[in-house]
Amino acid sequence: MKKGLPLLIGLGLGMAYLLDPEDGPERRSQIGNQVKDALKKTNDTIGSTIGSVKRTVLHRTLGDPEEVQSYRKKAEFLFRGGDEPNRWSVTDRTVAGLAGAWLTFYGFTRGDLFGKALGASGLGLLARGVTNTPITQFLRSKTGRRALGIASQFARTA
């Protein structure tokens, strides 16, 4: 009890200091501003420290900052799907590939005409997701025409 008595006296004096009817509101406001300033300085210090550590780690792992910027631009370029408007992002391509594979499997297991149409649509979607090339451009390419020409020759000879 003797050890707790000074603590209780100090707590009572502190409350009387802060809850004083005349000067209490000003004192509480002053303490609040000091706490806000201390928190802002702490936040700024932590933010600058994290930024410094991040720059140091990137510099030591990847090299100079210009090289880091070039890697960052390449990554953003790939995730957006490039600068061309008909390119898809990585996420879009993954979803299209999975959906195309599922449609292909489901369509060809049905066996009827509708199933074959679903399977063909799934193959187109899968090809679009894998190659990131629009189907119209894929079919208009010289390789595509040549491939279609070879297929038609095989059909004639058979």
Protein backbone atom coordinates (compact mmCIF):
# COMPACT_ATOMS: atom_id res chain seq x y z
CA MET A 1 0.00 0.00 0.00
CA LYS A 2 2.91 2.35 0.72
CA LYS A 3 4.24 1.93 -2.84
CA GLY A 4 0.88 2.67 -4.45
CA LEU A 5 0.16 5.80 -2.40
CA PRO A 6 2.60 8.10 -4.31
CA LEU A 7 1.19 6.78 -7.58
CA LEU A 8 -2.36 7.61 -6.53
CA ILE A 9 -1.30 11.07 -5.33
CA GLY A 10 0.44 11.76 -8.66
CA LEU A 11 -2.58 10.52 -10.61
CA GLY A 12 -4.89 12.77 -8.58
CA LEU A 13 -2.63 15.81 -9.11
CA GLY A 14 -2.45 15.11 -12.86
CA MET A 15 -6.22 14.87 -13.14
CA ALA A 16 -6.65 18.07 -11.15
CA TYR A 17 -4.16 19.78 -13.50
CA LEU A 18 -5.98 18.63 -16.64
CA LEU A 19 -9.54 18.96 -15.38
CA ASP A 20 -9.10 22.43 -13.87
CA PRO A 21 -12.22 24.43 -14.82
CA GLU A 22 -10.29 27.57 -15.82
CA ASP A 23 -7.07 26.40 -17.50
CA GLY A 24 -7.93 22.70 -18.11
CA PRO A 25 -9.31 23.02 -21.67
CA GLU A 26 -6.28 25.02 -22.83
CA ARG A 27 -3.87 22.52 -21.22
CA ARG A 28 -5.68 19.54 -22.79
CA SER A 29 -5.62 21.26 -26.18
CA GLN A 30 -1.90 21.99 -25.83
CA ILE A 31 -1.16 18.37 -24.88
CA GLY A 32 -3.32 17.14 -27.79
CA ASN A 33 -1.39 19.32 -30.25
CA GLN A 34 1.91 18.08 -28.88
CA VAL A 35 0.77 14.47 -29.26
CA LYS A 36 -0.39 15.16 -32.85
CA ASP A 37 2.95 16.76 -33.73
CA ALA A 38 4.86 13.86 -32.17
CA LEU A 39 2.76 11.34 -34.12
CA LYS A 40 3.26 13.26 -37.37
CA LYS A 41 7.03 13.38 -36.85
CA THR A 42 7.05 9.67 -36.02
CA ASN A 43 5.01 8.88 -39.12
CA ASP A 44 7.29 10.99 -41.31
CA THR A 45 10.38 9.34 -39.84
CA ILE A 46 8.99 5.85 -40.34
CA GLY A 47 7.92 6.70 -43.92
CA SER A 48 11.32 8.10 -44.86
CA THR A 49 13.05 5.11 -43.24
CA ILE A 50 10.90 2.65 -45.16
CA GLY A 51 11.54 4.56 -48.39
CA SER A 52 15.27 4.56 -47.72
CA VAL A 53 15.32 0.84 -46.98
CA LYS A 54 13.24 0.14 -50.10
CA ARG A 55 15.61 2.18 -52.29
CA THR A 56 18.64 0.49 -50.76
CA VAL A 57 17.23 -3.00 -51.27
CA LEU A 58 16.21 -2.27 -54.86
CA HIS A 59 19.59 -0.70 -55.59
CA ARG A 60 21.49 -3.66 -54.16
CA THR A 61 19.34 -6.29 -55.85
CA LEU A 62 18.64 -4.69 -59.22
CA GLY A 63 21.33 -2.08 -59.67
CA ASP A 64 21.00 1.64 -60.28
CA PRO A 65 17.65 3.49 -60.05
CA GLU A 66 17.32 3.88 -63.84
CA GLU A 67 17.48 0.11 -64.18
CA VAL A 68 14.84 -0.26 -61.47
CA GLN A 69 12.57 2.18 -63.35
CA SER A 70 13.03 0.21 -66.58
CA TYR A 71 12.05 -3.04 -64.79
CA ARG A 72 9.03 -1.32 -63.28
CA LYS A 73 7.95 0.01 -66.69
CA LYS A 74 8.36 -3.44 -68.26
CA ALA A 75 6.27 -5.04 -65.51
CA GLU A 76 3.51 -2.43 -65.88
CA PHE A 77 3.63 -2.91 -69.67
CA LEU A 78 3.16 -6.66 -69.32
CA PHE A 79 0.37 -6.43 -66.74
CA ARG A 80 -1.57 -3.88 -68.78
CA GLY A 81 -1.17 -6.03 -71.87
CA GLY A 82 1.02 -3.59 -73.77
CA ASP A 83 0.30 -0.30 -75.46
CA GLU A 84 -1.88 -1.75 -78.20
CA PRO A 85 -5.61 -1.44 -77.50
CA ASN A 86 -6.39 -5.04 -78.56
CA ARG A 87 -3.91 -6.64 -76.14
CA TRP A 88 -5.18 -8.27 -72.96
CA SER A 89 -3.66 -8.14 -69.51
CA VAL A 90 -2.23 -11.22 -67.82
CA THR A 91 -5.35 -11.66 -65.70
CA ASP A 92 -7.67 -11.40 -68.70
CA ARG A 93 -5.58 -13.92 -70.60
CA THR A 94 -5.56 -16.36 -67.71
CA VAL A 95 -9.32 -16.19 -67.26
CA ALA A 96 -9.89 -16.52 -71.01
CA GLY A 97 -7.53 -19.50 -71.21
CA LEU A 98 -9.22 -21.30 -68.33
CA ALA A 99 -12.70 -20.57 -69.67
CA GLY A 100 -11.65 -21.66 -73.16
CA ALA A 101 -10.16 -24.91 -71.88
CA TRP A 102 -13.33 -25.66 -69.90
CA LEU A 103 -15.58 -24.86 -72.87
CA THR A 104 -13.47 -27.02 -75.15
CA PHE A 105 -13.55 -29.98 -72.77
CA TYR A 106 -17.27 -29.63 -72.02
CA GLY A 107 -18.23 -29.03 -75.63
CA PHE A 108 -16.39 -31.98 -77.09
CA THR A 109 -17.60 -34.37 -74.38
CA ARG A 110 -21.22 -33.56 -75.26
CA GLY A 111 -20.83 -35.04 -78.73
CA ASP A 112 -23.75 -33.24 -80.40
CA LEU A 113 -23.65 -30.28 -82.78
CA PHE A 114 -24.12 -27.73 -80.00
CA GLY A 115 -21.26 -29.33 -78.10
CA LYS A 116 -18.98 -29.09 -81.11
CA ALA A 117 -19.88 -25.39 -81.47
CA LEU A 118 -19.07 -24.87 -77.79
CA GLY A 119 -15.79 -26.74 -78.23
CA ALA A 120 -14.82 -24.63 -81.23
CA SER A 121 -15.66 -21.44 -79.33
CA GLY A 122 -13.60 -22.70 -76.41
CA LEU A 123 -10.64 -23.41 -78.70
CA GLY A 124 -10.86 -19.87 -80.07
CA LEU A 125 -10.97 -18.41 -76.57
CA LEU A 126 -8.08 -20.62 -75.48
CA ALA A 127 -6.02 -19.56 -78.52
CA ARG A 128 -6.77 -15.90 -77.80
CA GLY A 129 -5.70 -16.27 -74.19
CA VAL A 130 -2.49 -18.14 -74.99
CA THR A 131 -1.29 -16.01 -77.91
CA ASN A 132 -2.69 -12.60 -76.85
CA THR A 133 -3.49 -12.03 -80.49
CA PRO A 134 -6.99 -11.16 -81.71
CA ILE A 135 -8.62 -14.03 -83.57
CA THR A 136 -9.26 -11.82 -86.60
CA GLN A 137 -5.57 -10.96 -86.81
CA PHE A 138 -4.68 -14.59 -86.26
CA LEU A 139 -6.87 -15.72 -89.14
CA ARG A 140 -5.67 -12.93 -91.46
CA SER A 141 -1.97 -13.66 -90.98
CA LYS A 142 0.01 -15.16 -93.82
CA THR A 143 0.77 -18.23 -91.76
CA GLY A 144 -2.93 -18.67 -91.10
CA ARG A 145 -3.79 -18.46 -94.80
CA ARG A 146 -0.98 -20.81 -95.65
CA ALA A 147 -2.16 -23.22 -92.97
CA LEU A 148 -5.72 -23.02 -94.27
CA GLY A 149 -4.43 -23.59 -97.82
CA ILE A 150 -2.48 -26.67 -96.72
CA ALA A 151 -5.53 -28.00 -94.89
CA SER A 152 -7.69 -27.54 -97.97
CA GLN A 153 -5.10 -29.37 -100.13
CA PHE A 154 -5.17 -32.27 -97.71
CA ALA A 155 -8.94 -32.31 -97.92
CA ARG A 156 -8.82 -32.40 -101.74
CA THR A 157 -6.33 -35.27 -101.89
CA ALA A 158 -8.17 -37.39 -99.34
